[in-house]
Amino acid sequence: MKGGKITGTKVEFTVDVDGKPVKFEGTVDGGTITGTGATKWTAKKA
């Protein structure tokens, strides 16, 4: 993972996939991955 930030419950970060940046954004309860092979993701508070 390149880097990112968590502010409150908002999650935002970018990951390089095959040399292409894929942006993740959403909340700790779920969100959307936008970019190549876009898909849904979910995360829960620890």
PDB file of N, CA and C in Angstrom:
ATOM      1  N   MET A   1       0.841  -1.185   0.000  1.00  0.00           N
ATOM      2  CA  MET A   1       0.000   0.000   0.000  1.00  0.00           C
ATOM      3  C   MET A   1       0.883   1.244   0.000  1.00  0.00           C
ATOM      4  N   LYS A   2       0.544   2.177  -0.842  1.00  0.00           N
ATOM      5  CA  LYS A   2       1.347   3.391  -0.979  1.00  0.00           C
ATOM      6  C   LYS A   2       1.153   4.322   0.212  1.00  0.00           C
ATOM      7  N   GLY A   3      -0.092   4.577   0.549  1.00  0.00           N
ATOM      8  CA  GLY A   3      -0.365   5.477   1.670  1.00  0.00           C
ATOM      9  C   GLY A   3      -1.837   5.810   1.715  1.00  0.00           C
ATOM     10  N   GLY A   4      -2.233   6.462   2.779  1.00  0.00           N
ATOM     11  CA  GLY A   4      -3.635   6.820   2.882  1.00  0.00           C
ATOM     12  C   GLY A   4      -3.908   7.503   4.198  1.00  0.00           C
ATOM     13  N   LYS A   5      -5.177   7.687   4.451  1.00  0.00           N
ATOM     14  CA  LYS A   5      -5.556   8.369   5.677  1.00  0.00           C
ATOM     15  C   LYS A   5      -6.917   7.876   6.140  1.00  0.00           C
ATOM     16  N   ILE A   6      -7.121   7.935   7.444  1.00  0.00           N
ATOM     17  CA  ILE A   6      -8.420   7.615   8.010  1.00  0.00           C
ATOM     18  C   ILE A   6      -8.822   8.817   8.852  1.00  0.00           C
ATOM     19  N   THR A   7      -9.929   9.433   8.483  1.00  0.00           N
ATOM     20  CA  THR A   7     -10.421  10.594   9.221  1.00  0.00           C
ATOM     21  C   THR A   7     -11.814  10.254   9.708  1.00  0.00           C
ATOM     22  N   GLY A   8     -11.979  10.121  11.005  1.00  0.00           N
ATOM     23  CA  GLY A   8     -13.269   9.701  11.539  1.00  0.00           C
ATOM     24  C   GLY A   8     -13.548   8.295  11.051  1.00  0.00           C
ATOM     25  N   THR A   9     -14.660   8.124  10.358  1.00  0.00           N
ATOM     26  CA  THR A   9     -14.973   6.804   9.829  1.00  0.00           C
ATOM     27  C   THR A   9     -14.702   6.734   8.332  1.00  0.00           C
ATOM     28  N   LYS A  10     -14.199   7.832   7.759  1.00  0.00           N
ATOM     29  CA  LYS A  10     -13.925   7.838   6.324  1.00  0.00           C
ATOM     30  C   LYS A  10     -12.555   7.222   6.046  1.00  0.00           C
ATOM     31  N   VAL A  11     -12.497   6.391   5.026  1.00  0.00           N
ATOM     32  CA  VAL A  11     -11.259   5.722   4.663  1.00  0.00           C
ATOM     33  C   VAL A  11     -10.938   6.090   3.213  1.00  0.00           C
ATOM     34  N   GLU A  12      -9.687   6.454   2.966  1.00  0.00           N
ATOM     35  CA  GLU A  12      -9.268   6.875   1.633  1.00  0.00           C
ATOM     36  C   GLU A  12      -7.814   6.478   1.436  1.00  0.00           C
ATOM     37  N   PHE A  13      -7.531   5.675   0.434  1.00  0.00           N
ATOM     38  CA  PHE A  13      -6.140   5.358   0.150  1.00  0.00           C
ATOM     39  C   PHE A  13      -5.998   4.862  -1.277  1.00  0.00           C
ATOM     40  N   THR A  14      -4.766   4.832  -1.743  1.00  0.00           N
ATOM     41  CA  THR A  14      -4.483   4.413  -3.109  1.00  0.00           C
ATOM     42  C   THR A  14      -3.481   3.270  -3.075  1.00  0.00           C
ATOM     43  N   VAL A  15      -3.730   2.267  -3.881  1.00  0.00           N
ATOM     44  CA  VAL A  15      -2.855   1.104  -3.965  1.00  0.00           C
ATOM     45  C   VAL A  15      -2.442   0.930  -5.420  1.00  0.00           C
ATOM     46  N   ASP A  16      -1.178   0.607  -5.642  1.00  0.00           N
ATOM     47  CA  ASP A  16      -0.711   0.336  -7.003  1.00  0.00           C
ATOM     48  C   ASP A  16      -1.029  -1.114  -7.367  1.00  0.00           C
ATOM     49  N   VAL A  17      -1.774  -1.295  -8.442  1.00  0.00           N
ATOM     50  CA  VAL A  17      -2.097  -2.628  -8.947  1.00  0.00           C
ATOM     51  C   VAL A  17      -1.529  -2.707 -10.357  1.00  0.00           C
ATOM     52  N   ASP A  18      -0.534  -3.568 -10.523  1.00  0.00           N
ATOM     53  CA  ASP A  18       0.132  -3.709 -11.823  1.00  0.00           C
ATOM     54  C   ASP A  18       0.603  -2.354 -12.344  1.00  0.00           C
ATOM     55  N   GLY A  19       1.130  -1.535 -11.446  1.00  0.00           N
ATOM     56  CA  GLY A  19       1.676  -0.242 -11.840  1.00  0.00           C
ATOM     57  C   GLY A  19       0.632   0.838 -12.068  1.00  0.00           C
ATOM     58  N   LYS A  20      -0.632   0.505 -11.791  1.00  0.00           N
ATOM     59  CA  LYS A  20      -1.695   1.496 -11.973  1.00  0.00           C
ATOM     60  C   LYS A  20      -2.313   1.806 -10.617  1.00  0.00           C
ATOM     61  N   PRO A  21      -2.478   3.072 -10.291  1.00  0.00           N
ATOM     62  CA  PRO A  21      -3.076   3.431  -9.014  1.00  0.00           C
ATOM     63  C   PRO A  21      -4.570   3.112  -8.981  1.00  0.00           C
ATOM     64  N   VAL A  22      -4.991   2.459  -7.904  1.00  0.00           N
ATOM     65  CA  VAL A  22      -6.403   2.152  -7.705  1.00  0.00           C
ATOM     66  C   VAL A  22      -6.822   2.845  -6.415  1.00  0.00           C
ATOM     67  N   LYS A  23      -7.839   3.673  -6.508  1.00  0.00           N
ATOM     68  CA  LYS A  23      -8.277   4.454  -5.351  1.00  0.00           C
ATOM     69  C   LYS A  23      -9.367   3.722  -4.573  1.00  0.00           C
ATOM     70  N   PHE A  24      -9.196   3.686  -3.255  1.00  0.00           N
ATOM     71  CA  PHE A  24     -10.169   3.093  -2.362  1.00  0.00           C
ATOM     72  C   PHE A  24     -10.793   4.248  -1.578  1.00  0.00           C
ATOM     73  N   GLU A  25     -12.091   4.278  -1.493  1.00  0.00           N
ATOM     74  CA  GLU A  25     -12.716   5.261  -0.605  1.00  0.00           C
ATOM     75  C   GLU A  25     -14.046   4.733  -0.096  1.00  0.00           C
ATOM     76  N   GLY A  26     -14.366   5.096   1.128  1.00  0.00           N
ATOM     77  CA  GLY A  26     -15.603   4.635   1.736  1.00  0.00           C
ATOM     78  C   GLY A  26     -15.560   4.905   3.227  1.00  0.00           C
ATOM     79  N   THR A  27     -16.266   4.063   3.968  1.00  0.00           N
ATOM     80  CA  THR A  27     -16.266   4.194   5.414  1.00  0.00           C
ATOM     81  C   THR A  27     -15.807   2.870   6.006  1.00  0.00           C
ATOM     82  N   VAL A  28     -15.612   2.849   7.325  1.00  0.00           N
ATOM     83  CA  VAL A  28     -15.181   1.617   7.971  1.00  0.00           C
ATOM     84  C   VAL A  28     -16.231   0.514   7.844  1.00  0.00           C
ATOM     85  N   ASP A  29     -17.453   0.879   7.495  1.00  0.00           N
ATOM     86  CA  ASP A  29     -18.506  -0.123   7.356  1.00  0.00           C
ATOM     87  C   ASP A  29     -18.662  -0.623   5.927  1.00  0.00           C
ATOM     88  N   GLY A  30     -17.867  -0.103   5.025  1.00  0.00           N
ATOM     89  CA  GLY A  30     -17.960  -0.567   3.653  1.00  0.00           C
ATOM     90  C   GLY A  30     -17.713   0.577   2.693  1.00  0.00           C
ATOM     91  N   GLY A  31     -17.424   0.233   1.439  1.00  0.00           N
ATOM     92  CA  GLY A  31     -17.152   1.285   0.485  1.00  0.00           C
ATOM     93  C   GLY A  31     -17.006   0.705  -0.898  1.00  0.00           C
ATOM     94  N   THR A  32     -16.369   1.468  -1.755  1.00  0.00           N
ATOM     95  CA  THR A  32     -16.207   1.064  -3.141  1.00  0.00           C
ATOM     96  C   THR A  32     -14.759   1.229  -3.543  1.00  0.00           C
ATOM     97  N   ILE A  33     -14.250   0.266  -4.301  1.00  0.00           N
ATOM     98  CA  ILE A  33     -12.930   0.409  -4.907  1.00  0.00           C
ATOM     99  C   ILE A  33     -13.177   0.872  -6.337  1.00  0.00           C
ATOM    100  N   THR A  34     -12.592   2.015  -6.682  1.00  0.00           N
ATOM    101  CA  THR A  34     -12.754   2.499  -8.046  1.00  0.00           C
ATOM    102  C   THR A  34     -11.437   2.311  -8.785  1.00  0.00           C
ATOM    103  N   GLY A  35     -11.510   1.949 -10.034  1.00  0.00           N
ATOM    104  CA  GLY A  35     -10.305   1.717 -10.821  1.00  0.00           C
ATOM    105  C   GLY A  35     -10.428   0.393 -11.552  1.00  0.00           C
ATOM    106  N   THR A  36      -9.283  -0.118 -11.993  1.00  0.00           N
ATOM    107  CA  THR A  36      -9.269  -1.380 -12.730  1.00  0.00           C
ATOM    108  C   THR A  36      -9.808  -2.491 -11.837  1.00  0.00           C
ATOM    109  N   GLY A  37     -10.745  -3.252 -12.368  1.00  0.00           N
ATOM    110  CA  GLY A  37     -11.319  -4.348 -11.595  1.00  0.00           C
ATOM    111  C   GLY A  37     -12.065  -3.859 -10.377  1.00  0.00           C
ATOM    112  N   ALA A  38     -12.814  -2.768 -10.540  1.00  0.00           N
ATOM    113  CA  ALA A  38     -13.534  -2.166  -9.422  1.00  0.00           C
ATOM    114  C   ALA A  38     -14.434  -3.194  -8.745  1.00  0.00           C
ATOM    115  N   THR A  39     -14.469  -3.154  -7.428  1.00  0.00           N
ATOM    116  CA  THR A  39     -15.271  -4.103  -6.663  1.00  0.00           C
ATOM    117  C   THR A  39     -15.658  -3.478  -5.341  1.00  0.00           C
ATOM    118  N   LYS A  40     -16.515  -4.155  -4.617  1.00  0.00           N
ATOM    119  CA  LYS A  40     -16.915  -3.682  -3.294  1.00  0.00           C
ATOM    120  C   LYS A  40     -15.945  -4.235  -2.251  1.00  0.00           C
ATOM    121  N   TRP A  41     -15.855  -3.516  -1.148  1.00  0.00           N
ATOM    122  CA  TRP A  41     -15.036  -4.008  -0.043  1.00  0.00           C
ATOM    123  C   TRP A  41     -15.738  -3.643   1.247  1.00  0.00           C
ATOM    124  N   THR A  42     -15.425  -4.385   2.281  1.00  0.00           N
ATOM    125  CA  THR A  42     -15.997  -4.072   3.586  1.00  0.00           C
ATOM    126  C   THR A  42     -14.895  -4.140   4.629  1.00  0.00           C
ATOM    127  N   ALA A  43     -15.037  -3.318   5.644  1.00  0.00           N
ATOM    128  CA  ALA A  43     -14.086  -3.303   6.749  1.00  0.00           C
ATOM    129  C   ALA A  43     -14.884  -2.996   8.005  1.00  0.00           C
ATOM    130  N   LYS A  44     -14.457  -3.572   9.097  1.00  0.00           N
ATOM    131  CA  LYS A  44     -15.157  -3.335  10.356  1.00  0.00           C
ATOM    132  C   LYS A  44     -14.188  -2.744  11.364  1.00  0.00           C
ATOM    133  N   LYS A  45     -14.728  -1.950  12.268  1.00  0.00           N
ATOM    134  CA  LYS A  45     -13.900  -1.390  13.335  1.00  0.00           C
ATOM    135  C   LYS A  45     -13.366  -2.528  14.200  1.00  0.00           C
ATOM    136  N   ALA A  46     -12.141  -2.379  14.643  1.00  0.00           N
ATOM    137  CA  ALA A  46     -11.537  -3.410  15.486  1.00  0.00           C
ATOM    138  C   ALA A  46     -12.208  -3.420  16.858  1.00  0.00           C
TER     139      ALA A  46
END
